[in-house]
């Protein structure tokens, strides 16, 4: 999910040959509602809207089952934690 324009998303998607869609989040509405906004950039800064890196586990009913987001942009959620959460979810 990114605040970038659709044109930039399309170019990046095609260049990287991604097999999944990229999501545009104008004005960081979704990033803010999910509580994963990187607060290092104020509204009006060109990087405003960047989320903390992370993973959302979303169920078939569109509800968030789990959220992993870490401050900054260099750290990533440990895969072991994500896997353990997946295993613990009801079937």
PDB file of N, CA and C in Angstrom:
ATOM      1  N   UNK A   1       0.855  -1.157   0.000  1.00  0.00           N
ATOM      2  CA  UNK A   1       0.000   0.000   0.000  1.00  0.00           C
ATOM      3  C   UNK A   1       0.907   1.228   0.000  1.00  0.00           C
ATOM      4  N   UNK A   2       0.626   2.165  -0.898  1.00  0.00           N
ATOM      5  CA  UNK A   2       1.478   3.334  -1.031  1.00  0.00           C
ATOM      6  C   UNK A   2       0.674   4.565  -1.412  1.00  0.00           C
ATOM      7  N   UNK A   3       1.244   5.703  -1.125  1.00  0.00           N
ATOM      8  CA  UNK A   3       0.620   6.974  -1.473  1.00  0.00           C
ATOM      9  C   UNK A   3       0.979   7.402  -2.894  1.00  0.00           C
ATOM     10  N   UNK A   4       1.811   6.648  -3.586  1.00  0.00           N
ATOM     11  CA  UNK A   4       2.245   7.008  -4.940  1.00  0.00           C
ATOM     12  C   UNK A   4       1.064   7.058  -5.914  1.00  0.00           C
ATOM     13  N   UNK A   5       1.257   7.790  -7.010  1.00  0.00           N
ATOM     14  CA  UNK A   5       0.211   7.923  -8.024  1.00  0.00           C
ATOM     15  C   UNK A   5      -0.016   6.583  -8.730  1.00  0.00           C
ATOM     16  N   UNK A   6      -1.150   6.461  -9.370  1.00  0.00           N
ATOM     17  CA  UNK A   6      -1.455   5.229 -10.116  1.00  0.00           C
ATOM     18  C   UNK A   6      -0.439   4.995 -11.219  1.00  0.00           C
ATOM     19  N   UNK A   7       0.025   6.076 -11.847  1.00  0.00           N
ATOM     20  CA  UNK A   7       1.023   5.950 -12.921  1.00  0.00           C
ATOM     21  C   UNK A   7       2.319   5.343 -12.376  1.00  0.00           C
ATOM     22  N   UNK A   8       2.784   5.848 -11.242  1.00  0.00           N
ATOM     23  CA  UNK A   8       4.006   5.306 -10.643  1.00  0.00           C
ATOM     24  C   UNK A   8       3.792   3.847 -10.248  1.00  0.00           C
ATOM     25  N   UNK A   9       2.638   3.541  -9.662  1.00  0.00           N
ATOM     26  CA  UNK A   9       2.340   2.154  -9.288  1.00  0.00           C
ATOM     27  C   UNK A   9       2.334   1.237 -10.504  1.00  0.00           C
ATOM     28  N   UNK A  10       1.699   1.693 -11.578  1.00  0.00           N
ATOM     29  CA  UNK A  10       1.616   0.886 -12.800  1.00  0.00           C
ATOM     30  C   UNK A  10       3.017   0.631 -13.373  1.00  0.00           C
ATOM     31  N   UNK A  11       3.840   1.670 -13.437  1.00  0.00           N
ATOM     32  CA  UNK A  11       5.202   1.514 -13.964  1.00  0.00           C
ATOM     33  C   UNK A  11       6.014   0.535 -13.121  1.00  0.00           C
ATOM     34  N   UNK A  12       5.947   0.698 -11.798  1.00  0.00           N
ATOM     35  CA  UNK A  12       6.682  -0.190 -10.901  1.00  0.00           C
ATOM     36  C   UNK A  12       6.174  -1.623 -11.025  1.00  0.00           C
ATOM     37  N   UNK A  13       4.862  -1.782 -11.052  1.00  0.00           N
ATOM     38  CA  UNK A  13       4.248  -3.105 -11.171  1.00  0.00           C
ATOM     39  C   UNK A  13       4.716  -3.804 -12.447  1.00  0.00           C
ATOM     40  N   UNK A  14       4.687  -3.079 -13.561  1.00  0.00           N
ATOM     41  CA  UNK A  14       5.087  -3.666 -14.835  1.00  0.00           C
ATOM     42  C   UNK A  14       6.583  -3.962 -14.875  1.00  0.00           C
ATOM     43  N   UNK A  15       7.382  -3.049 -14.337  1.00  0.00           N
ATOM     44  CA  UNK A  15       8.840  -3.227 -14.327  1.00  0.00           C
ATOM     45  C   UNK A  15       9.252  -4.439 -13.505  1.00  0.00           C
ATOM     46  N   UNK A  16       8.598  -4.624 -12.357  1.00  0.00           N
ATOM     47  CA  UNK A  16       8.944  -5.722 -11.456  1.00  0.00           C
ATOM     48  C   UNK A  16       8.221  -7.032 -11.798  1.00  0.00           C
ATOM     49  N   UNK A  17       7.276  -6.964 -12.740  1.00  0.00           N
ATOM     50  CA  UNK A  17       6.492  -8.143 -13.142  1.00  0.00           C
ATOM     51  C   UNK A  17       5.839  -8.807 -11.921  1.00  0.00           C
ATOM     52  N   UNK A  18       5.172  -7.984 -11.121  1.00  0.00           N
ATOM     53  CA  UNK A  18       4.525  -8.487  -9.912  1.00  0.00           C
ATOM     54  C   UNK A  18       3.298  -9.315 -10.268  1.00  0.00           C
ATOM     55  N   UNK A  19       3.040 -10.336  -9.500  1.00  0.00           N
ATOM     56  CA  UNK A  19       1.883 -11.189  -9.724  1.00  0.00           C
ATOM     57  C   UNK A  19       0.722 -10.852  -8.802  1.00  0.00           C
ATOM     58  N   UNK A  20       0.741  -9.644  -8.252  1.00  0.00           N
ATOM     59  CA  UNK A  20      -0.330  -9.224  -7.341  1.00  0.00           C
ATOM     60  C   UNK A  20      -0.539  -7.719  -7.519  1.00  0.00           C
ATOM     61  N   UNK A  21      -1.705  -7.227  -7.161  1.00  0.00           N
ATOM     62  CA  UNK A  21      -1.970  -5.791  -7.334  1.00  0.00           C
ATOM     63  C   UNK A  21      -1.299  -4.953  -6.247  1.00  0.00           C
ATOM     64  N   UNK A  22      -1.011  -3.717  -6.578  1.00  0.00           N
ATOM     65  CA  UNK A  22      -0.528  -2.750  -5.600  1.00  0.00           C
ATOM     66  C   UNK A  22      -1.691  -1.848  -5.225  1.00  0.00           C
ATOM     67  N   UNK A  23      -1.734  -1.430  -3.987  1.00  0.00           N
ATOM     68  CA  UNK A  23      -2.840  -0.618  -3.504  1.00  0.00           C
ATOM     69  C   UNK A  23      -2.412   0.837  -3.330  1.00  0.00           C
ATOM     70  N   UNK A  24      -3.228   1.753  -3.824  1.00  0.00           N
ATOM     71  CA  UNK A  24      -2.973   3.173  -3.658  1.00  0.00           C
ATOM     72  C   UNK A  24      -3.767   3.673  -2.453  1.00  0.00           C
ATOM     73  N   UNK A  25      -3.099   4.454  -1.625  1.00  0.00           N
ATOM     74  CA  UNK A  25      -3.729   4.970  -0.410  1.00  0.00           C
ATOM     75  C   UNK A  25      -3.614   6.491  -0.392  1.00  0.00           C
ATOM     76  N   UNK A  26      -4.505   7.149  -1.113  1.00  0.00           N
ATOM     77  CA  UNK A  26      -4.478   8.603  -1.185  1.00  0.00           C
ATOM     78  C   UNK A  26      -4.650   9.216   0.194  1.00  0.00           C
ATOM     79  N   UNK A  27      -3.809  10.180   0.495  1.00  0.00           N
ATOM     80  CA  UNK A  27      -3.839  10.920   1.752  1.00  0.00           C
ATOM     81  C   UNK A  27      -3.656  10.024   2.976  1.00  0.00           C
ATOM     82  N   UNK A  28      -3.123   8.832   2.784  1.00  0.00           N
ATOM     83  CA  UNK A  28      -2.816   7.891   3.872  1.00  0.00           C
ATOM     84  C   UNK A  28      -4.038   7.539   4.717  1.00  0.00           C
ATOM     85  N   UNK A  29      -5.198   7.531   4.120  1.00  0.00           N
ATOM     86  CA  UNK A  29      -6.425   7.235   4.871  1.00  0.00           C
ATOM     87  C   UNK A  29      -6.385   5.841   5.499  1.00  0.00           C
ATOM     88  N   UNK A  30      -5.977   4.851   4.722  1.00  0.00           N
ATOM     89  CA  UNK A  30      -5.953   3.478   5.240  1.00  0.00           C
ATOM     90  C   UNK A  30      -4.810   3.276   6.216  1.00  0.00           C
ATOM     91  N   UNK A  31      -3.645   3.833   5.885  1.00  0.00           N
ATOM     92  CA  UNK A  31      -2.498   3.710   6.777  1.00  0.00           C
ATOM     93  C   UNK A  31      -2.836   4.298   8.144  1.00  0.00           C
ATOM     94  N   UNK A  32      -3.502   5.442   8.156  1.00  0.00           N
ATOM     95  CA  UNK A  32      -3.907   6.058   9.427  1.00  0.00           C
ATOM     96  C   UNK A  32      -4.935   5.203  10.155  1.00  0.00           C
ATOM     97  N   UNK A  33      -5.931   4.701   9.443  1.00  0.00           N
ATOM     98  CA  UNK A  33      -6.978   3.919  10.102  1.00  0.00           C
ATOM     99  C   UNK A  33      -6.451   2.597  10.649  1.00  0.00           C
ATOM    100  N   UNK A  34      -5.388   2.062  10.042  1.00  0.00           N
ATOM    101  CA  UNK A  34      -4.798   0.811  10.513  1.00  0.00           C
ATOM    102  C   UNK A  34      -3.771   1.040  11.624  1.00  0.00           C
ATOM    103  N   UNK A  35      -3.438   2.303  11.869  1.00  0.00           N
ATOM    104  CA  UNK A  35      -2.487   2.616  12.934  1.00  0.00           C
ATOM    105  C   UNK A  35      -1.058   2.254  12.597  1.00  0.00           C
ATOM    106  N   UNK A  36      -0.677   2.340  11.320  1.00  0.00           N
ATOM    107  CA  UNK A  36       0.679   1.959  10.922  1.00  0.00           C
ATOM    108  C   UNK A  36       1.427   3.099  10.235  1.00  0.00           C
ATOM    109  N   UNK A  37       0.969   4.346  10.423  1.00  0.00           N
ATOM    110  CA  UNK A  37       1.616   5.494   9.805  1.00  0.00           C
ATOM    111  C   UNK A  37       2.989   5.730  10.424  1.00  0.00           C
ATOM    112  N   UNK A  38       3.991   5.925   9.583  1.00  0.00           N
ATOM    113  CA  UNK A  38       5.328   6.297  10.028  1.00  0.00           C
ATOM    114  C   UNK A  38       5.281   7.781  10.383  1.00  0.00           C
ATOM    115  N   UNK A  39       5.384   8.095  11.655  1.00  0.00           N
ATOM    116  CA  UNK A  39       5.225   9.461  12.150  1.00  0.00           C
ATOM    117  C   UNK A  39       6.439  10.341  11.914  1.00  0.00           C
ATOM    118  N   UNK A  40       7.481   9.822  11.252  1.00  0.00           N
ATOM    119  CA  UNK A  40       8.684  10.608  10.972  1.00  0.00           C
ATOM    120  C   UNK A  40       8.425  11.719   9.963  1.00  0.00           C
ATOM    121  N   UNK A  41       7.323  11.667   9.239  1.00  0.00           N
ATOM    122  CA  UNK A  41       7.033  12.635   8.184  1.00  0.00           C
ATOM    123  C   UNK A  41       5.689  13.308   8.443  1.00  0.00           C
ATOM    124  N   UNK A  42       5.704  14.631   8.536  1.00  0.00           N
ATOM    125  CA  UNK A  42       4.487  15.390   8.800  1.00  0.00           C
ATOM    126  C   UNK A  42       3.647  15.514   7.533  1.00  0.00           C
ATOM    127  N   UNK A  43       2.353  15.752   7.717  1.00  0.00           N
ATOM    128  CA  UNK A  43       1.460  15.986   6.587  1.00  0.00           C
ATOM    129  C   UNK A  43       2.018  17.158   5.775  1.00  0.00           C
ATOM    130  N   UNK A  44       2.084  17.005   4.475  1.00  0.00           N
ATOM    131  CA  UNK A  44       2.671  18.012   3.602  1.00  0.00           C
ATOM    132  C   UNK A  44       4.057  17.619   3.124  1.00  0.00           C
ATOM    133  N   UNK A  45       4.769  16.773   3.872  1.00  0.00           N
ATOM    134  CA  UNK A  45       6.074  16.263   3.442  1.00  0.00           C
ATOM    135  C   UNK A  45       5.847  15.277   2.309  1.00  0.00           C
ATOM    136  N   UNK A  46       6.756  15.216   1.353  1.00  0.00           N
ATOM    137  CA  UNK A  46       6.545  14.326   0.202  1.00  0.00           C
ATOM    138  C   UNK A  46       6.481  12.852   0.601  1.00  0.00           C
ATOM    139  N   UNK A  47       7.041  12.504   1.756  1.00  0.00           N
ATOM    140  CA  UNK A  47       7.019  11.110   2.207  1.00  0.00           C
ATOM    141  C   UNK A  47       5.869  10.828   3.172  1.00  0.00           C
ATOM    142  N   UNK A  48       5.011  11.829   3.432  1.00  0.00           N
ATOM    143  CA  UNK A  48       3.881  11.594   4.329  1.00  0.00           C
ATOM    144  C   UNK A  48       3.000  10.485   3.758  1.00  0.00           C
ATOM    145  N   UNK A  49       2.635   9.570   4.597  1.00  0.00           N
ATOM    146  CA  UNK A  49       1.799   8.454   4.174  1.00  0.00           C
ATOM    147  C   UNK A  49       2.543   7.137   4.147  1.00  0.00           C
ATOM    148  N   UNK A  50       3.865   7.198   4.364  1.00  0.00           N
ATOM    149  CA  UNK A  50       4.637   5.957   4.392  1.00  0.00           C
ATOM    150  C   UNK A  50       4.247   5.174   5.639  1.00  0.00           C
ATOM    151  N   UNK A  51       3.871   3.927   5.478  1.00  0.00           N
ATOM    152  CA  UNK A  51       3.544   3.120   6.657  1.00  0.00           C
ATOM    153  C   UNK A  51       4.807   2.514   7.264  1.00  0.00           C
ATOM    154  N   UNK A  52       4.693   2.079   8.505  1.00  0.00           N
ATOM    155  CA  UNK A  52       5.747   1.242   9.068  1.00  0.00           C
ATOM    156  C   UNK A  52       5.707  -0.066   8.280  1.00  0.00           C
ATOM    157  N   UNK A  53       6.873  -0.679   8.037  1.00  0.00           N
ATOM    158  CA  UNK A  53       6.851  -1.946   7.313  1.00  0.00           C
ATOM    159  C   UNK A  53       6.091  -2.986   8.119  1.00  0.00           C
ATOM    160  N   UNK A  54       5.367  -3.802   7.436  1.00  0.00           N
ATOM    161  CA  UNK A  54       4.627  -4.805   8.181  1.00  0.00           C
ATOM    162  C   UNK A  54       3.803  -5.719   7.321  1.00  0.00           C
ATOM    163  N   UNK A  55       3.021  -6.505   8.002  1.00  0.00           N
ATOM    164  CA  UNK A  55       2.172  -7.508   7.367  1.00  0.00           C
ATOM    165  C   UNK A  55       0.802  -7.449   8.026  1.00  0.00           C
ATOM    166  N   UNK A  56      -0.237  -7.485   7.215  1.00  0.00           N
ATOM    167  CA  UNK A  56      -1.604  -7.589   7.718  1.00  0.00           C
ATOM    168  C   UNK A  56      -2.158  -8.942   7.291  1.00  0.00           C
ATOM    169  N   UNK A  57      -2.741  -9.659   8.212  1.00  0.00           N
ATOM    170  CA  UNK A  57      -3.428 -10.903   7.884  1.00  0.00           C
ATOM    171  C   UNK A  57      -4.915 -10.575   7.862  1.00  0.00           C
ATOM    172  N   UNK A  58      -5.511 -10.682   6.687  1.00  0.00           N
ATOM    173  CA  UNK A  58      -6.905 -10.297   6.493  1.00  0.00           C
ATOM    174  C   UNK A  58      -7.726 -11.532   6.158  1.00  0.00           C
ATOM    175  N   UNK A  59      -8.810 -11.706   6.881  1.00  0.00           N
ATOM    176  CA  UNK A  59      -9.676 -12.859   6.675  1.00  0.00           C
ATOM    177  C   UNK A  59     -10.577 -12.699   5.466  1.00  0.00           C
ATOM    178  N   UNK A  60     -11.266 -13.770   5.108  1.00  0.00           N
ATOM    179  CA  UNK A  60     -12.190 -13.753   3.968  1.00  0.00           C
ATOM    180  C   UNK A  60     -13.308 -12.742   4.150  1.00  0.00           C
ATOM    181  N   UNK A  61     -13.619 -12.414   5.396  1.00  0.00           N
ATOM    182  CA  UNK A  61     -14.671 -11.444   5.687  1.00  0.00           C
ATOM    183  C   UNK A  61     -14.130 -10.009   5.738  1.00  0.00           C
ATOM    184  N   UNK A  62     -12.878  -9.824   5.329  1.00  0.00           N
ATOM    185  CA  UNK A  62     -12.183  -8.525   5.271  1.00  0.00           C
ATOM    186  C   UNK A  62     -11.815  -7.965   6.639  1.00  0.00           C
ATOM    187  N   UNK A  63     -11.933  -8.756   7.688  1.00  0.00           N
ATOM    188  CA  UNK A  63     -11.520  -8.318   9.016  1.00  0.00           C
ATOM    189  C   UNK A  63     -10.034  -8.604   9.209  1.00  0.00           C
ATOM    190  N   UNK A  64      -9.365  -7.706   9.931  1.00  0.00           N
ATOM    191  CA  UNK A  64      -7.947  -7.898  10.214  1.00  0.00           C
ATOM    192  C   UNK A  64      -7.810  -8.935  11.322  1.00  0.00           C
ATOM    193  N   UNK A  65      -7.119 -10.010  11.012  1.00  0.00           N
ATOM    194  CA  UNK A  65      -6.914 -11.091  11.970  1.00  0.00           C
ATOM    195  C   UNK A  65      -5.667 -10.854  12.813  1.00  0.00           C
ATOM    196  N   UNK A  66      -4.665 -10.215  12.224  1.00  0.00           N
ATOM    197  CA  UNK A  66      -3.425  -9.914  12.931  1.00  0.00           C
ATOM    198  C   UNK A  66      -2.705  -8.798  12.196  1.00  0.00           C
ATOM    199  N   UNK A  67      -1.929  -8.032  12.965  1.00  0.00           N
ATOM    200  CA  UNK A  67      -1.181  -6.920  12.391  1.00  0.00           C
ATOM    201  C   UNK A  67       0.231  -6.952  12.951  1.00  0.00           C
ATOM    202  N   UNK A  68       1.196  -6.885  12.076  1.00  0.00           N
ATOM    203  CA  UNK A  68       2.600  -6.825  12.457  1.00  0.00           C
ATOM    204  C   UNK A  68       3.187  -5.580  11.796  1.00  0.00           C
ATOM    205  N   UNK A  69       3.560  -4.585  12.581  1.00  0.00           N
ATOM    206  CA  UNK A  69       4.164  -3.370  12.044  1.00  0.00           C
ATOM    207  C   UNK A  69       5.210  -2.883  13.032  1.00  0.00           C
ATOM    208  N   UNK A  70       6.360  -2.521  12.494  1.00  0.00           N
ATOM    209  CA  UNK A  70       7.456  -2.070  13.339  1.00  0.00           C
ATOM    210  C   UNK A  70       7.860  -0.649  12.975  1.00  0.00           C
ATOM    211  N   UNK A  71       8.267   0.145  13.968  1.00  0.00           N
ATOM    212  CA  UNK A  71       8.712   1.509  13.677  1.00  0.00           C
ATOM    213  C   UNK A  71       9.925   1.516  12.743  1.00  0.00           C
ATOM    214  N   UNK A  72      10.043   2.614  12.001  1.00  0.00           N
ATOM    215  CA  UNK A  72      11.169   2.756  11.081  1.00  0.00           C
ATOM    216  C   UNK A  72      10.894   2.070   9.765  1.00  0.00           C
ATOM    217  N   UNK A  73      11.916   1.878   8.985  1.00  0.00           N
ATOM    218  CA  UNK A  73      11.729   1.202   7.711  1.00  0.00           C
ATOM    219  C   UNK A  73      12.725   0.074   7.504  1.00  0.00           C
ATOM    220  N   UNK A  74      13.667  -0.081   8.400  1.00  0.00           N
ATOM    221  CA  UNK A  74      14.688  -1.119   8.218  1.00  0.00           C
ATOM    222  C   UNK A  74      14.316  -2.437   8.868  1.00  0.00           C
ATOM    223  N   UNK A  75      13.601  -2.384   9.963  1.00  0.00           N
ATOM    224  CA  UNK A  75      13.223  -3.607  10.673  1.00  0.00           C
ATOM    225  C   UNK A  75      11.979  -4.214  10.036  1.00  0.00           C
ATOM    226  N   UNK A  76      11.918  -5.507  10.015  1.00  0.00           N
ATOM    227  CA  UNK A  76      10.763  -6.229   9.485  1.00  0.00           C
ATOM    228  C   UNK A  76      10.270  -7.194  10.554  1.00  0.00           C
ATOM    229  N   UNK A  77       8.986  -7.466  10.557  1.00  0.00           N
ATOM    230  CA  UNK A  77       8.472  -8.422  11.543  1.00  0.00           C
ATOM    231  C   UNK A  77       9.120  -9.792  11.345  1.00  0.00           C
ATOM    232  N   UNK A  78       9.520 -10.440  12.441  1.00  0.00           N
ATOM    233  CA  UNK A  78      10.111 -11.779  12.313  1.00  0.00           C
ATOM    234  C   UNK A  78       9.104 -12.759  11.707  1.00  0.00           C
ATOM    235  N   UNK A  79       9.522 -13.486  10.701  1.00  0.00           N
ATOM    236  CA  UNK A  79       8.631 -14.432  10.036  1.00  0.00           C
ATOM    237  C   UNK A  79       8.124 -15.489  11.005  1.00  0.00           C
ATOM    238  N   UNK A  80       8.955 -15.852  11.982  1.00  0.00           N
ATOM    239  CA  UNK A  80       8.557 -16.867  12.949  1.00  0.00           C
ATOM    240  C   UNK A  80       7.314 -16.415  13.729  1.00  0.00           C
ATOM    241  N   UNK A  81       7.241 -15.120  14.051  1.00  0.00           N
ATOM    242  CA  UNK A  81       6.077 -14.590  14.763  1.00  0.00           C
ATOM    243  C   UNK A  81       4.822 -14.644  13.892  1.00  0.00           C
ATOM    244  N   UNK A  82       4.994 -14.293  12.624  1.00  0.00           N
ATOM    245  CA  UNK A  82       3.859 -14.322  11.686  1.00  0.00           C
ATOM    246  C   UNK A  82       3.372 -15.761  11.524  1.00  0.00           C
ATOM    247  N   UNK A  83       4.290 -16.681  11.329  1.00  0.00           N
ATOM    248  CA  UNK A  83       3.932 -18.091  11.146  1.00  0.00           C
ATOM    249  C   UNK A  83       3.226 -18.648  12.383  1.00  0.00           C
ATOM    250  N   UNK A  84       3.747 -18.323  13.573  1.00  0.00           N
ATOM    251  CA  UNK A  84       3.127 -18.807  14.815  1.00  0.00           C
ATOM    252  C   UNK A  84       1.709 -18.271  14.957  1.00  0.00           C
ATOM    253  N   UNK A  85       1.502 -17.023  14.577  1.00  0.00           N
ATOM    254  CA  UNK A  85       0.158 -16.427  14.636  1.00  0.00           C
ATOM    255  C   UNK A  85      -0.769 -17.117  13.655  1.00  0.00           C
ATOM    256  N   UNK A  86      -0.284 -17.385  12.450  1.00  0.00           N
ATOM    257  CA  UNK A  86      -1.083 -18.094  11.455  1.00  0.00           C
ATOM    258  C   UNK A  86      -1.512 -19.461  11.965  1.00  0.00           C
ATOM    259  N   UNK A  87      -0.584 -20.187  12.551  1.00  0.00           N
ATOM    260  CA  UNK A  87      -0.892 -21.521  13.068  1.00  0.00           C
ATOM    261  C   UNK A  87      -1.915 -21.473  14.188  1.00  0.00           C
ATOM    262  N   UNK A  88      -1.902 -20.388  14.977  1.00  0.00           N
ATOM    263  CA  UNK A  88      -2.801 -20.286  16.131  1.00  0.00           C
ATOM    264  C   UNK A  88      -4.203 -19.793  15.775  1.00  0.00           C
ATOM    265  N   UNK A  89      -4.390 -19.304  14.562  1.00  0.00           N
ATOM    266  CA  UNK A  89      -5.712 -18.817  14.167  1.00  0.00           C
ATOM    267  C   UNK A  89      -6.698 -19.964  14.036  1.00  0.00           C
ATOM    268  N   UNK A  90      -7.960 -19.729  14.384  1.00  0.00           N
ATOM    269  CA  UNK A  90      -8.969 -20.783  14.212  1.00  0.00           C
ATOM    270  C   UNK A  90      -9.106 -21.137  12.731  1.00  0.00           C
ATOM    271  N   UNK A  91      -9.372 -22.362  12.481  1.00  0.00           N
ATOM    272  CA  UNK A  91      -9.520 -22.851  11.088  1.00  0.00           C
ATOM    273  C   UNK A  91     -10.842 -22.433  10.513  1.00  0.00           C
TER     274      UNK A  91
END
